[in-house]
N, C-alpha and C. Protein backbone atom coordinates (compact mmCIF):
# COMPACT_ATOMS: atom_id res chain seq x y z
N MET A 1 48.75 63.26 -13.70
CA MET A 1 47.35 63.55 -13.86
C MET A 1 46.97 64.67 -12.90
N SER A 2 46.11 65.51 -13.35
CA SER A 2 45.66 66.62 -12.51
C SER A 2 44.14 66.67 -12.53
N PHE A 3 43.56 66.82 -11.37
CA PHE A 3 42.11 66.96 -11.27
C PHE A 3 41.75 68.44 -11.32
N ASP A 4 40.61 68.77 -11.91
CA ASP A 4 40.15 70.15 -11.85
C ASP A 4 39.49 70.38 -10.49
N VAL A 5 39.10 71.61 -10.22
CA VAL A 5 38.55 71.95 -8.91
C VAL A 5 37.30 71.12 -8.61
N ARG A 6 36.45 70.93 -9.59
CA ARG A 6 35.22 70.15 -9.38
C ARG A 6 35.54 68.71 -8.98
N GLU A 7 36.48 68.09 -9.67
CA GLU A 7 36.86 66.71 -9.36
C GLU A 7 37.52 66.62 -7.98
N ARG A 8 38.36 67.59 -7.65
CA ARG A 8 38.98 67.60 -6.32
C ARG A 8 37.91 67.73 -5.24
N GLY A 9 36.95 68.62 -5.49
CA GLY A 9 35.86 68.80 -4.52
C GLY A 9 35.04 67.54 -4.34
N ARG A 10 34.76 66.83 -5.43
CA ARG A 10 33.99 65.59 -5.35
C ARG A 10 34.74 64.53 -4.55
N HIS A 11 36.05 64.44 -4.75
CA HIS A 11 36.85 63.49 -3.97
C HIS A 11 36.83 63.85 -2.49
N VAL A 12 37.08 65.10 -2.19
CA VAL A 12 37.14 65.52 -0.78
C VAL A 12 35.77 65.32 -0.11
N ALA A 13 34.69 65.66 -0.80
CA ALA A 13 33.35 65.48 -0.23
C ALA A 13 33.04 64.00 -0.01
N THR A 14 33.53 63.15 -0.90
CA THR A 14 33.33 61.70 -0.75
C THR A 14 34.15 61.17 0.42
N PHE A 15 35.39 61.60 0.53
CA PHE A 15 36.21 61.19 1.68
C PHE A 15 35.54 61.64 2.97
N ARG A 16 34.97 62.85 2.97
CA ARG A 16 34.29 63.34 4.17
C ARG A 16 33.12 62.41 4.52
N PHE A 17 32.33 62.02 3.53
CA PHE A 17 31.22 61.11 3.76
C PHE A 17 31.71 59.83 4.44
N VAL A 18 32.81 59.29 3.94
CA VAL A 18 33.34 58.04 4.47
C VAL A 18 33.74 58.21 5.94
N PHE A 19 34.42 59.30 6.27
CA PHE A 19 34.82 59.50 7.66
C PHE A 19 33.60 59.72 8.57
N VAL A 20 32.58 60.39 8.07
CA VAL A 20 31.36 60.53 8.86
C VAL A 20 30.73 59.16 9.09
N ARG A 21 30.72 58.33 8.05
CA ARG A 21 30.14 56.99 8.18
C ARG A 21 30.94 56.15 9.17
N LEU A 22 32.27 56.25 9.13
CA LEU A 22 33.10 55.52 10.10
C LEU A 22 32.80 55.98 11.52
N MET A 23 32.63 57.28 11.70
CA MET A 23 32.29 57.83 13.02
C MET A 23 30.94 57.27 13.48
N GLU A 24 29.97 57.28 12.61
CA GLU A 24 28.64 56.79 12.97
C GLU A 24 28.67 55.29 13.29
N THR A 25 29.42 54.54 12.52
CA THR A 25 29.50 53.09 12.74
C THR A 25 30.15 52.79 14.09
N ALA A 26 31.29 53.42 14.36
CA ALA A 26 31.96 53.18 15.65
C ALA A 26 31.08 53.62 16.81
N ALA A 27 30.34 54.71 16.63
CA ALA A 27 29.43 55.18 17.68
C ALA A 27 28.30 54.19 17.92
N ALA A 28 27.79 53.58 16.85
CA ALA A 28 26.72 52.59 17.01
C ALA A 28 27.23 51.31 17.66
N TRP A 29 28.48 50.96 17.41
CA TRP A 29 29.05 49.75 17.98
C TRP A 29 29.37 49.90 19.47
N THR A 30 29.70 51.08 19.90
CA THR A 30 30.23 51.27 21.25
C THR A 30 29.32 50.71 22.34
N PRO A 31 28.02 51.02 22.35
CA PRO A 31 27.20 50.49 23.45
C PRO A 31 26.97 48.97 23.41
N THR A 32 27.16 48.35 22.25
CA THR A 32 26.91 46.91 22.14
C THR A 32 28.19 46.07 22.12
N THR A 33 29.31 46.70 22.35
CA THR A 33 30.58 45.99 22.44
C THR A 33 30.86 45.72 23.91
N PRO A 34 31.01 44.46 24.32
CA PRO A 34 31.13 44.18 25.75
C PRO A 34 32.44 44.62 26.40
N GLU A 35 33.55 44.59 25.68
CA GLU A 35 34.85 44.89 26.29
C GLU A 35 35.03 46.40 26.46
N MET A 36 35.25 46.82 27.70
CA MET A 36 35.43 48.24 27.98
C MET A 36 36.60 48.83 27.20
N GLU A 37 37.68 48.06 27.08
CA GLU A 37 38.86 48.55 26.35
C GLU A 37 38.54 48.84 24.88
N ALA A 38 37.70 48.00 24.28
CA ALA A 38 37.28 48.23 22.89
C ALA A 38 36.38 49.45 22.80
N LYS A 39 35.52 49.64 23.79
CA LYS A 39 34.67 50.84 23.82
C LYS A 39 35.52 52.10 23.86
N VAL A 40 36.57 52.07 24.68
CA VAL A 40 37.46 53.23 24.80
C VAL A 40 38.18 53.47 23.47
N LEU A 41 38.65 52.41 22.85
CA LEU A 41 39.31 52.53 21.55
C LEU A 41 38.36 53.15 20.53
N PHE A 42 37.15 52.62 20.43
CA PHE A 42 36.17 53.18 19.50
C PHE A 42 35.92 54.65 19.82
N GLY A 43 35.80 54.97 21.09
CA GLY A 43 35.54 56.36 21.49
C GLY A 43 36.63 57.31 21.02
N ARG A 44 37.88 56.91 21.22
CA ARG A 44 38.99 57.76 20.75
C ARG A 44 38.96 57.90 19.23
N HIS A 45 38.63 56.83 18.55
CA HIS A 45 38.64 56.87 17.09
C HIS A 45 37.41 57.57 16.53
N ILE A 46 36.31 57.56 17.26
CA ILE A 46 35.15 58.36 16.87
C ILE A 46 35.57 59.84 16.81
N TRP A 47 36.30 60.26 17.82
CA TRP A 47 36.78 61.65 17.85
C TRP A 47 37.72 61.90 16.67
N ASP A 48 38.64 60.96 16.39
CA ASP A 48 39.55 61.11 15.25
C ASP A 48 38.77 61.23 13.94
N PHE A 49 37.78 60.36 13.76
CA PHE A 49 36.98 60.39 12.52
C PHE A 49 36.23 61.72 12.41
N ALA A 50 35.73 62.22 13.53
CA ALA A 50 35.02 63.51 13.52
C ALA A 50 35.97 64.64 13.14
N GLN A 51 37.18 64.62 13.67
CA GLN A 51 38.16 65.65 13.32
C GLN A 51 38.50 65.58 11.83
N ALA A 52 38.63 64.38 11.30
CA ALA A 52 38.92 64.21 9.87
C ALA A 52 37.77 64.76 9.03
N ALA A 53 36.55 64.41 9.41
CA ALA A 53 35.38 64.89 8.66
C ALA A 53 35.30 66.41 8.71
N ASP A 54 35.62 67.00 9.86
CA ASP A 54 35.58 68.46 9.98
C ASP A 54 36.62 69.11 9.07
N ALA A 55 37.84 68.59 9.07
CA ALA A 55 38.90 69.16 8.23
C ALA A 55 38.53 69.04 6.75
N LEU A 56 38.02 67.90 6.36
CA LEU A 56 37.61 67.71 4.97
C LEU A 56 36.42 68.60 4.63
N GLY A 57 35.51 68.76 5.59
CA GLY A 57 34.35 69.62 5.37
C GLY A 57 34.71 71.08 5.20
N LYS A 58 35.72 71.53 5.91
CA LYS A 58 36.20 72.90 5.70
C LYS A 58 36.84 73.04 4.33
N ARG A 59 37.51 71.99 3.90
CA ARG A 59 38.17 72.01 2.59
C ARG A 59 37.14 72.01 1.46
N THR A 60 35.98 71.38 1.64
CA THR A 60 34.97 71.39 0.57
C THR A 60 34.57 72.82 0.23
N PHE A 61 34.46 73.67 1.23
CA PHE A 61 34.09 75.07 0.98
C PHE A 61 35.17 75.77 0.15
N GLU A 62 36.41 75.46 0.43
CA GLU A 62 37.52 76.05 -0.33
C GLU A 62 37.57 75.54 -1.77
N LEU A 63 36.91 74.42 -2.01
CA LEU A 63 36.85 73.84 -3.36
C LEU A 63 35.51 74.12 -4.03
N ARG A 64 34.87 75.22 -3.62
CA ARG A 64 33.65 75.74 -4.25
C ARG A 64 32.41 74.88 -4.04
N LEU A 65 32.38 74.17 -2.94
CA LEU A 65 31.21 73.40 -2.54
C LEU A 65 30.72 73.98 -1.21
N PRO A 66 29.53 73.62 -0.78
CA PRO A 66 29.09 74.10 0.53
C PRO A 66 30.02 73.58 1.64
N ALA A 67 30.14 74.36 2.70
CA ALA A 67 30.94 73.93 3.84
C ALA A 67 30.36 72.64 4.41
N GLN A 68 31.23 71.73 4.81
CA GLN A 68 30.86 70.45 5.40
C GLN A 68 29.99 69.61 4.46
N HIS A 69 30.20 69.77 3.16
CA HIS A 69 29.46 69.02 2.15
C HIS A 69 29.97 67.58 2.08
N SER A 70 29.05 66.64 2.05
CA SER A 70 29.38 65.23 1.88
C SER A 70 28.76 64.73 0.60
N LEU A 71 29.45 63.83 -0.05
CA LEU A 71 28.96 63.23 -1.28
C LEU A 71 29.02 61.71 -1.09
N ALA A 72 27.87 61.06 -1.21
CA ALA A 72 27.83 59.60 -1.05
C ALA A 72 28.78 58.94 -2.03
N PRO A 73 29.47 57.89 -1.60
CA PRO A 73 30.42 57.21 -2.49
C PRO A 73 29.68 56.40 -3.55
N ALA A 74 30.46 55.84 -4.44
CA ALA A 74 29.90 54.93 -5.44
C ALA A 74 29.09 53.86 -4.72
N GLU A 75 28.03 53.41 -5.36
CA GLU A 75 27.10 52.47 -4.73
C GLU A 75 27.78 51.21 -4.19
N THR A 76 28.73 50.66 -4.92
CA THR A 76 29.39 49.43 -4.47
C THR A 76 30.24 49.68 -3.23
N TYR A 77 30.88 50.84 -3.16
CA TYR A 77 31.68 51.16 -1.98
C TYR A 77 30.74 51.43 -0.78
N GLY A 78 29.65 52.11 -1.02
CA GLY A 78 28.66 52.34 0.03
C GLY A 78 28.11 51.03 0.58
N ALA A 79 27.90 50.06 -0.30
CA ALA A 79 27.41 48.75 0.14
C ALA A 79 28.46 48.05 1.01
N ALA A 80 29.73 48.20 0.68
CA ALA A 80 30.79 47.61 1.50
C ALA A 80 30.81 48.26 2.89
N LEU A 81 30.61 49.57 2.95
CA LEU A 81 30.55 50.24 4.26
C LEU A 81 29.34 49.77 5.07
N ALA A 82 28.22 49.53 4.40
CA ALA A 82 27.04 49.02 5.09
C ALA A 82 27.28 47.62 5.62
N GLU A 83 27.99 46.81 4.85
CA GLU A 83 28.33 45.46 5.29
C GLU A 83 29.22 45.52 6.53
N GLN A 84 30.17 46.44 6.51
CA GLN A 84 31.06 46.61 7.66
C GLN A 84 30.27 47.04 8.89
N ALA A 85 29.34 47.97 8.73
CA ALA A 85 28.56 48.47 9.86
C ALA A 85 27.72 47.37 10.50
N ALA A 86 27.34 46.36 9.72
CA ALA A 86 26.48 45.28 10.22
C ALA A 86 27.25 44.19 10.96
N LEU A 87 28.57 44.30 11.02
CA LEU A 87 29.35 43.26 11.71
C LEU A 87 28.97 43.18 13.18
N ALA A 88 28.93 41.97 13.69
CA ALA A 88 28.61 41.75 15.10
C ALA A 88 29.77 41.02 15.76
N GLY A 89 29.99 41.28 17.00
CA GLY A 89 31.08 40.64 17.72
C GLY A 89 32.33 41.50 17.66
N THR A 90 33.01 41.58 18.76
CA THR A 90 34.18 42.44 18.85
C THR A 90 35.27 42.06 17.86
N ALA A 91 35.58 40.78 17.74
CA ALA A 91 36.65 40.35 16.83
C ALA A 91 36.33 40.75 15.39
N GLU A 92 35.08 40.55 14.98
CA GLU A 92 34.68 40.89 13.62
C GLU A 92 34.70 42.40 13.40
N ARG A 93 34.22 43.14 14.36
CA ARG A 93 34.21 44.60 14.23
C ARG A 93 35.62 45.16 14.13
N LEU A 94 36.50 44.67 15.01
CA LEU A 94 37.89 45.15 14.97
C LEU A 94 38.54 44.78 13.64
N ALA A 95 38.33 43.55 13.20
CA ALA A 95 38.93 43.11 11.93
C ALA A 95 38.34 43.87 10.75
N GLY A 96 37.03 44.02 10.75
CA GLY A 96 36.38 44.72 9.63
C GLY A 96 36.85 46.15 9.49
N LEU A 97 36.92 46.85 10.61
CA LEU A 97 37.33 48.25 10.58
C LEU A 97 38.83 48.40 10.37
N TYR A 98 39.61 47.73 11.21
CA TYR A 98 41.05 48.00 11.24
C TYR A 98 41.88 47.16 10.27
N ASP A 99 41.35 46.01 9.86
CA ASP A 99 42.10 45.16 8.93
C ASP A 99 41.58 45.25 7.50
N ARG A 100 40.37 45.72 7.33
CA ARG A 100 39.77 45.76 5.99
C ARG A 100 39.49 47.19 5.53
N VAL A 101 38.62 47.90 6.24
CA VAL A 101 38.17 49.20 5.76
C VAL A 101 39.28 50.26 5.83
N LEU A 102 39.94 50.38 6.96
CA LEU A 102 40.96 51.42 7.08
C LEU A 102 42.14 51.21 6.12
N PRO A 103 42.67 49.98 5.95
CA PRO A 103 43.73 49.82 4.95
C PRO A 103 43.25 50.15 3.53
N ASP A 104 42.01 49.79 3.22
CA ASP A 104 41.47 50.11 1.90
C ASP A 104 41.33 51.62 1.74
N LEU A 105 40.84 52.29 2.77
CA LEU A 105 40.72 53.75 2.71
C LEU A 105 42.09 54.40 2.59
N GLU A 106 43.05 53.89 3.34
CA GLU A 106 44.41 54.43 3.25
C GLU A 106 44.96 54.27 1.83
N ARG A 107 44.71 53.13 1.21
CA ARG A 107 45.15 52.90 -0.16
C ARG A 107 44.51 53.92 -1.10
N ARG A 108 43.25 54.20 -0.90
CA ARG A 108 42.53 55.15 -1.76
C ARG A 108 43.03 56.58 -1.53
N LEU A 109 43.31 56.93 -0.29
CA LEU A 109 43.86 58.27 -0.01
C LEU A 109 45.23 58.41 -0.67
N ARG A 110 46.05 57.37 -0.56
CA ARG A 110 47.38 57.41 -1.18
C ARG A 110 47.27 57.50 -2.71
N ALA A 111 46.30 56.81 -3.29
CA ALA A 111 46.11 56.87 -4.74
C ALA A 111 45.74 58.29 -5.17
N TYR A 112 44.87 58.92 -4.39
CA TYR A 112 44.52 60.31 -4.69
C TYR A 112 45.76 61.20 -4.58
N LEU A 113 46.52 61.01 -3.51
CA LEU A 113 47.73 61.82 -3.33
C LEU A 113 48.71 61.62 -4.49
N GLY A 114 48.77 60.43 -5.03
CA GLY A 114 49.66 60.16 -6.15
C GLY A 114 49.15 60.70 -7.47
N ALA A 115 47.86 60.97 -7.56
CA ALA A 115 47.27 61.43 -8.82
C ALA A 115 47.08 62.94 -8.89
N VAL A 116 47.03 63.60 -7.75
CA VAL A 116 46.70 65.02 -7.73
C VAL A 116 47.96 65.87 -7.91
N ASP A 117 47.76 67.06 -8.44
CA ASP A 117 48.85 68.03 -8.53
C ASP A 117 49.07 68.58 -7.12
N ARG A 118 50.18 68.25 -6.52
CA ARG A 118 50.44 68.58 -5.11
C ARG A 118 50.56 70.08 -4.89
N LEU A 119 50.87 70.83 -5.91
CA LEU A 119 50.94 72.28 -5.78
C LEU A 119 49.55 72.90 -5.84
N LEU A 120 48.76 72.48 -6.82
CA LEU A 120 47.42 73.04 -6.98
C LEU A 120 46.48 72.63 -5.85
N ASP A 121 46.70 71.47 -5.30
CA ASP A 121 45.81 70.98 -4.24
C ASP A 121 46.57 70.80 -2.93
N GLY A 122 47.51 71.69 -2.67
CA GLY A 122 48.35 71.61 -1.48
C GLY A 122 47.58 71.46 -0.18
N PRO A 123 46.53 72.25 0.07
CA PRO A 123 45.81 72.08 1.34
C PRO A 123 45.20 70.69 1.53
N THR A 124 44.66 70.13 0.45
CA THR A 124 44.10 68.77 0.55
C THR A 124 45.21 67.76 0.80
N VAL A 125 46.34 67.95 0.16
CA VAL A 125 47.48 67.05 0.37
C VAL A 125 47.88 67.04 1.84
N VAL A 126 47.95 68.20 2.45
CA VAL A 126 48.33 68.29 3.87
C VAL A 126 47.32 67.53 4.73
N ILE A 127 46.03 67.74 4.46
CA ILE A 127 44.98 67.06 5.24
C ILE A 127 45.08 65.55 5.05
N LEU A 128 45.19 65.09 3.81
CA LEU A 128 45.19 63.65 3.55
C LEU A 128 46.44 62.97 4.07
N GLU A 129 47.57 63.63 3.99
CA GLU A 129 48.79 63.03 4.55
C GLU A 129 48.65 62.85 6.06
N ARG A 130 48.04 63.81 6.71
CA ARG A 130 47.79 63.69 8.15
C ARG A 130 46.83 62.53 8.43
N LEU A 131 45.81 62.40 7.59
CA LEU A 131 44.83 61.32 7.80
C LEU A 131 45.44 59.95 7.57
N VAL A 132 46.33 59.83 6.60
CA VAL A 132 47.02 58.56 6.38
C VAL A 132 47.80 58.17 7.63
N ALA A 133 48.49 59.13 8.22
CA ALA A 133 49.25 58.86 9.46
C ALA A 133 48.30 58.47 10.59
N GLU A 134 47.14 59.13 10.69
CA GLU A 134 46.16 58.80 11.72
C GLU A 134 45.63 57.37 11.54
N LEU A 135 45.34 56.98 10.31
CA LEU A 135 44.83 55.63 10.06
C LEU A 135 45.86 54.59 10.45
N THR A 136 47.12 54.86 10.16
CA THR A 136 48.19 53.94 10.55
C THR A 136 48.26 53.82 12.07
N ARG A 137 48.17 54.94 12.76
CA ARG A 137 48.19 54.93 14.23
C ARG A 137 46.99 54.15 14.77
N GLN A 138 45.82 54.40 14.23
CA GLN A 138 44.61 53.71 14.70
C GLN A 138 44.73 52.20 14.53
N ARG A 139 45.26 51.78 13.41
CA ARG A 139 45.42 50.34 13.17
C ARG A 139 46.39 49.75 14.17
N GLY A 140 47.45 50.47 14.49
CA GLY A 140 48.41 50.00 15.49
C GLY A 140 47.78 49.88 16.86
N GLU A 141 46.95 50.85 17.22
CA GLU A 141 46.26 50.80 18.52
C GLU A 141 45.31 49.62 18.59
N ALA A 142 44.62 49.34 17.48
CA ALA A 142 43.71 48.19 17.46
C ALA A 142 44.49 46.88 17.58
N ASP A 143 45.63 46.79 16.91
CA ASP A 143 46.46 45.59 17.02
C ASP A 143 46.93 45.39 18.47
N ALA A 144 47.34 46.47 19.12
CA ALA A 144 47.79 46.39 20.52
C ALA A 144 46.65 45.94 21.42
N LEU A 145 45.45 46.44 21.19
CA LEU A 145 44.29 46.05 21.99
C LEU A 145 43.98 44.57 21.80
N ARG A 146 43.97 44.11 20.57
CA ARG A 146 43.70 42.69 20.32
C ARG A 146 44.73 41.81 20.99
N SER A 147 45.98 42.23 20.93
CA SER A 147 47.06 41.47 21.56
C SER A 147 46.87 41.44 23.07
N ALA A 148 46.56 42.58 23.67
CA ALA A 148 46.40 42.66 25.12
C ALA A 148 45.21 41.84 25.61
N LEU A 149 44.14 41.80 24.83
CA LEU A 149 42.93 41.09 25.24
C LEU A 149 42.87 39.66 24.69
N GLY A 150 43.82 39.30 23.84
CA GLY A 150 43.80 37.96 23.25
C GLY A 150 42.66 37.76 22.27
N ILE A 151 42.26 38.82 21.58
CA ILE A 151 41.18 38.73 20.59
C ILE A 151 41.79 38.31 19.26
N PRO A 152 41.36 37.19 18.72
CA PRO A 152 41.94 36.73 17.44
C PRO A 152 41.47 37.61 16.29
N ALA A 153 42.27 37.68 15.26
CA ALA A 153 41.88 38.40 14.05
C ALA A 153 40.81 37.58 13.32
N ALA A 154 39.74 38.21 12.95
CA ALA A 154 38.68 37.55 12.19
C ALA A 154 38.92 37.81 10.71
N PRO A 155 38.61 36.86 9.86
CA PRO A 155 38.94 37.04 8.45
C PRO A 155 38.11 38.11 7.72
N CYS A 156 36.83 38.21 8.01
CA CYS A 156 35.94 39.16 7.32
C CYS A 156 36.10 39.05 5.81
N ASP A 157 36.09 37.83 5.31
CA ASP A 157 36.34 37.59 3.88
C ASP A 157 35.30 38.25 2.98
N ALA A 158 34.04 38.22 3.37
CA ALA A 158 33.00 38.83 2.54
C ALA A 158 33.23 40.34 2.42
N LEU A 159 33.61 40.97 3.51
CA LEU A 159 33.90 42.41 3.48
C LEU A 159 35.13 42.68 2.61
N ALA A 160 36.14 41.85 2.73
CA ALA A 160 37.35 42.01 1.90
C ALA A 160 36.99 41.91 0.42
N ARG A 161 36.15 40.95 0.07
CA ARG A 161 35.73 40.80 -1.33
C ARG A 161 34.91 42.01 -1.79
N ALA A 162 34.03 42.49 -0.91
CA ALA A 162 33.20 43.66 -1.27
C ALA A 162 34.05 44.89 -1.51
N LEU A 163 35.05 45.11 -0.68
CA LEU A 163 35.93 46.26 -0.87
C LEU A 163 36.77 46.11 -2.14
N ALA A 164 37.28 44.91 -2.37
CA ALA A 164 38.10 44.67 -3.56
C ALA A 164 37.31 44.86 -4.85
N ALA A 165 36.04 44.53 -4.80
CA ALA A 165 35.19 44.63 -6.00
C ALA A 165 34.52 45.98 -6.14
N SER A 166 34.72 46.88 -5.18
CA SER A 166 33.94 48.12 -5.16
C SER A 166 34.34 49.14 -6.21
N GLY A 167 35.52 49.04 -6.78
CA GLY A 167 35.90 50.00 -7.81
C GLY A 167 36.16 51.38 -7.24
N PRO A 168 35.99 52.42 -8.07
CA PRO A 168 36.26 53.78 -7.61
C PRO A 168 35.36 54.18 -6.44
N ILE A 169 35.91 55.02 -5.58
CA ILE A 169 35.15 55.46 -4.41
C ILE A 169 34.18 56.59 -4.76
N VAL A 170 34.55 57.43 -5.70
CA VAL A 170 33.72 58.58 -6.05
C VAL A 170 32.66 58.14 -7.05
N ALA A 171 31.41 58.46 -6.73
CA ALA A 171 30.30 58.10 -7.61
C ALA A 171 30.39 58.89 -8.92
N GLU A 172 29.93 58.25 -9.97
CA GLU A 172 29.88 58.94 -11.26
C GLU A 172 28.82 60.03 -11.17
N GLU A 173 29.09 61.13 -11.84
CA GLU A 173 28.13 62.22 -11.84
C GLU A 173 26.94 61.86 -12.72
N THR A 174 25.77 62.22 -12.25
CA THR A 174 24.57 62.04 -13.04
C THR A 174 24.50 63.20 -14.03
N PRO A 175 24.36 62.91 -15.31
CA PRO A 175 24.29 64.00 -16.28
C PRO A 175 23.10 64.91 -16.02
N VAL A 176 23.32 66.17 -16.19
CA VAL A 176 22.26 67.17 -16.00
C VAL A 176 21.45 67.23 -17.29
N ARG A 177 20.17 67.06 -17.14
CA ARG A 177 19.28 67.12 -18.32
C ARG A 177 18.64 68.50 -18.34
N GLY A 178 18.63 69.08 -19.50
CA GLY A 178 18.08 70.43 -19.55
C GLY A 178 17.41 70.78 -20.81
């Protein structure tokens, strides 16, 4: 399967939105998370999410969209991100982000990589492959932190169900009436 430039741009802009939202969520959690080690982890990952959003935002311009353009995800996926942002407590926040949202996002990035023409969309492939590696590293760092602090994994079942039921990440285009 091959996406045209418009479809590739919509995917990249949606992925950018998600990374910006992850950055904003981790930034909002940092002052209200009691464990200093978790604050430091969030801080490092805020920077990672910002770098991802910047790389994707530069790519949107190359795909004939405005530079740093973001496109809100499908409503159900956006609702799952809002549910994740509302988590309280360090164990729930770590589990929601690192055990639920990031693995789901990694799955979606890999699905895009498997569906796109790697030659036609080579620059996006390079960016997304790097981001997949970053997400894996971040999850490992969160696991190490939980182990060091003795923080149990929280199930976050409602978030898991919301992500599983969210369907495609890219919102359907609204038809232009003219």
